[in-house]
Amino acid sequence: MYKLPVSVLVVIHTLDLDVLLLERSDHPGYWQSVTGSQHCGETLRQTALREIHEETGLNPCDYMLLDWETEYRYEIFKEWRWRYAPDITHNTEHVFSLCLPEKETVAIAPEEHLDYLWLPWHKAATRVFSWSNAEIIRRLPRHLGAMSDLLLLPT
């Protein structure tokens, strides 16, 4: 079965703006935030929650998941197109973020990732291979500032 050309990008960060990055197992040296394709019948939020748990072992329901209501459309790398129907060349990526109070140890999925690290946002933005991931990380301080009232609400 082919992947849907719809995915999520979830930037996991702390209140101090440290960003979690994951190193891809199929491309050592390629660092990224949590990403993943939408499954048939899932909402984008459900996709984000599933991918966070699968890729980090974190329970995303313990934190605030924010939908940035931002999307990017980009060409799928030729080496990855076999995963999609033959006429599919582009993917639409929807952006979310998950704010943790502090850095946590995560349980990476070894079939997907080799390692993880926490970096200050400005260093994380230069480490990721994807232009859309870098752009969202660079926007994180401004976005977090705008959302600070929500993040401080008691649950």
Protein backbone atom coordinates (compact mmCIF):
# COMPACT_ATOMS: atom_id res chain seq x y z
CA MET A 1 0.00 0.00 0.00
CA TYR A 2 1.29 3.44 -0.90
CA LYS A 3 1.84 6.29 1.53
CA LEU A 4 -0.50 9.25 1.38
CA PRO A 5 1.28 12.43 0.25
CA VAL A 6 0.19 14.19 3.44
CA SER A 7 2.43 14.34 6.50
CA VAL A 8 3.10 16.08 9.78
CA LEU A 9 6.19 17.80 11.12
CA VAL A 10 6.21 18.04 14.93
CA VAL A 11 8.85 20.20 16.59
CA ILE A 12 9.31 19.01 20.16
CA HIS A 13 10.85 21.69 22.34
CA THR A 14 11.23 22.86 25.92
CA LEU A 15 10.12 26.14 27.47
CA ASP A 16 13.81 27.14 27.27
CA LEU A 17 13.68 26.53 23.49
CA ASP A 18 15.84 23.44 23.38
CA VAL A 19 14.71 21.37 20.39
CA LEU A 20 14.68 17.59 20.08
CA LEU A 21 16.30 16.26 16.90
CA LEU A 22 16.32 12.69 15.61
CA GLU A 23 18.96 11.21 13.30
CA ARG A 24 17.45 9.19 10.44
CA SER A 25 18.55 5.57 10.25
CA ASP A 26 18.20 5.49 6.44
CA HIS A 27 20.41 8.59 6.14
CA PRO A 28 23.01 8.88 8.91
CA GLY A 29 23.79 12.54 9.45
CA TYR A 30 20.28 13.66 8.46
CA TRP A 31 18.70 15.22 11.54
CA GLN A 32 15.05 16.18 11.81
CA SER A 33 12.09 16.71 14.07
CA VAL A 34 9.34 14.11 14.36
CA THR A 35 7.74 13.49 10.96
CA GLY A 36 5.37 10.99 9.47
CA SER A 37 2.71 10.31 6.90
CA GLN A 38 -0.98 10.45 7.61
CA HIS A 39 -2.76 7.10 7.63
CA CYS A 40 -6.08 6.73 5.85
CA GLY A 41 -8.90 7.83 8.16
CA GLU A 42 -6.67 9.76 10.59
CA THR A 43 -6.99 13.43 11.36
CA LEU A 44 -3.76 15.42 11.21
CA ARG A 45 -3.82 15.72 15.00
CA GLN A 46 -4.12 11.94 15.33
CA THR A 47 -1.18 11.54 12.95
CA ALA A 48 0.93 13.92 15.04
CA LEU A 49 0.04 12.15 18.30
CA ARG A 50 0.81 8.73 16.81
CA GLU A 51 4.13 9.81 15.31
CA ILE A 52 5.29 11.48 18.54
CA HIS A 53 4.65 8.29 20.48
CA GLU A 54 6.12 5.97 17.84
CA GLU A 55 9.30 7.99 17.32
CA THR A 56 10.04 9.12 20.89
CA GLY A 57 8.07 6.96 23.30
CA LEU A 58 6.67 10.14 24.85
CA ASN A 59 2.99 10.28 25.75
CA PRO A 60 1.98 13.41 23.84
CA CYS A 61 -1.26 13.68 25.81
CA ASP A 62 0.84 14.71 28.83
CA TYR A 63 1.81 17.95 27.05
CA MET A 64 0.27 20.65 24.89
CA LEU A 65 0.23 19.83 21.19
CA LEU A 66 -0.23 22.95 19.09
CA ASP A 67 -1.38 23.00 15.47
CA TRP A 68 0.45 25.88 13.80
CA GLU A 69 -2.11 25.90 10.98
CA THR A 70 0.87 26.05 8.64
CA GLU A 71 1.56 23.77 5.73
CA TYR A 72 4.32 23.35 3.18
CA ARG A 73 4.17 21.64 -0.18
CA TYR A 74 7.43 20.23 -1.45
CA GLU A 75 8.79 17.79 -3.98
CA ILE A 76 9.39 14.30 -2.62
CA PHE A 77 13.03 13.20 -2.93
CA LYS A 78 13.32 10.83 -5.90
CA GLU A 79 14.88 8.13 -3.71
CA TRP A 80 11.70 8.08 -1.57
CA ARG A 81 9.07 8.24 -4.32
CA TRP A 82 8.70 4.45 -4.50
CA ARG A 83 6.70 4.74 -1.27
CA TYR A 84 3.96 6.73 -3.07
CA ALA A 85 1.63 6.05 -5.97
CA PRO A 86 3.43 6.40 -9.33
CA ASP A 87 1.90 9.79 -10.22
CA ILE A 88 2.73 11.40 -6.84
CA THR A 89 5.68 13.80 -6.81
CA HIS A 90 4.78 16.26 -4.03
CA ASN A 91 3.85 16.05 -0.36
CA THR A 92 1.93 18.47 1.85
CA GLU A 93 3.41 18.79 5.34
CA HIS A 94 1.38 20.15 8.28
CA VAL A 95 3.20 21.71 11.23
CA PHE A 96 2.68 21.05 14.94
CA SER A 97 4.74 21.62 18.05
CA LEU A 98 4.86 19.91 21.42
CA CYS A 99 6.16 21.85 24.42
CA LEU A 100 7.80 19.99 27.31
CA PRO A 101 8.73 21.69 30.60
CA GLU A 102 12.31 20.41 30.27
CA LYS A 103 14.47 18.02 28.25
CA GLU A 104 13.53 14.38 28.61
CA THR A 105 15.13 11.10 27.72
CA VAL A 106 13.31 9.63 24.75
CA ALA A 107 13.03 6.07 23.43
CA ILE A 108 13.80 6.28 19.73
CA ALA A 109 12.45 3.74 17.25
CA PRO A 110 15.66 2.02 16.04
CA GLU A 111 14.16 1.14 12.66
CA GLU A 112 13.66 4.87 12.04
CA HIS A 113 16.38 6.66 14.01
CA LEU A 114 19.95 6.13 15.14
CA ASP A 115 20.20 8.78 17.83
CA TYR A 116 18.63 11.88 19.31
CA LEU A 117 19.90 15.10 20.79
CA TRP A 118 18.62 18.28 22.33
CA LEU A 119 20.00 21.54 20.92
CA PRO A 120 19.24 25.22 21.49
CA TRP A 121 16.80 26.33 18.78
CA HIS A 122 19.34 28.38 16.80
CA LYS A 123 21.73 25.41 16.57
CA ALA A 124 18.91 22.97 15.80
CA ALA A 125 17.81 25.15 12.87
CA THR A 126 21.23 24.76 11.26
CA ARG A 127 21.48 21.00 11.93
CA VAL A 128 18.27 19.80 10.25
CA PHE A 129 18.42 18.76 6.58
CA SER A 130 14.93 19.95 5.63
CA TRP A 131 14.34 23.60 4.73
CA SER A 132 10.80 23.50 6.14
CA ASN A 133 12.03 22.03 9.44
CA ALA A 134 14.71 24.75 9.67
CA GLU A 135 12.19 27.50 8.94
CA ILE A 136 9.76 26.32 11.63
CA ILE A 137 12.54 26.03 14.22
CA ARG A 138 13.67 29.59 13.39
CA ARG A 139 10.07 30.76 13.94
CA LEU A 140 9.81 28.93 17.28
CA PRO A 141 10.86 31.79 19.64
CA ARG A 142 8.29 34.16 18.14
CA HIS A 143 5.60 31.48 18.05
CA LEU A 144 6.26 30.40 21.63
CA GLY A 145 6.12 34.02 22.76
CA ALA A 146 2.71 34.41 21.14
CA MET A 147 1.50 31.19 22.76
CA SER A 148 3.01 31.75 26.23
CA ASP A 149 -0.33 32.54 27.85
CA LEU A 150 -1.76 29.23 26.64
CA LEU A 151 1.30 27.27 27.74
CA LEU A 152 0.99 28.55 31.29
CA LEU A 153 -2.66 27.62 31.73
CA PRO A 154 -3.25 24.89 34.33
CA THR A 155 -4.45 21.58 32.90
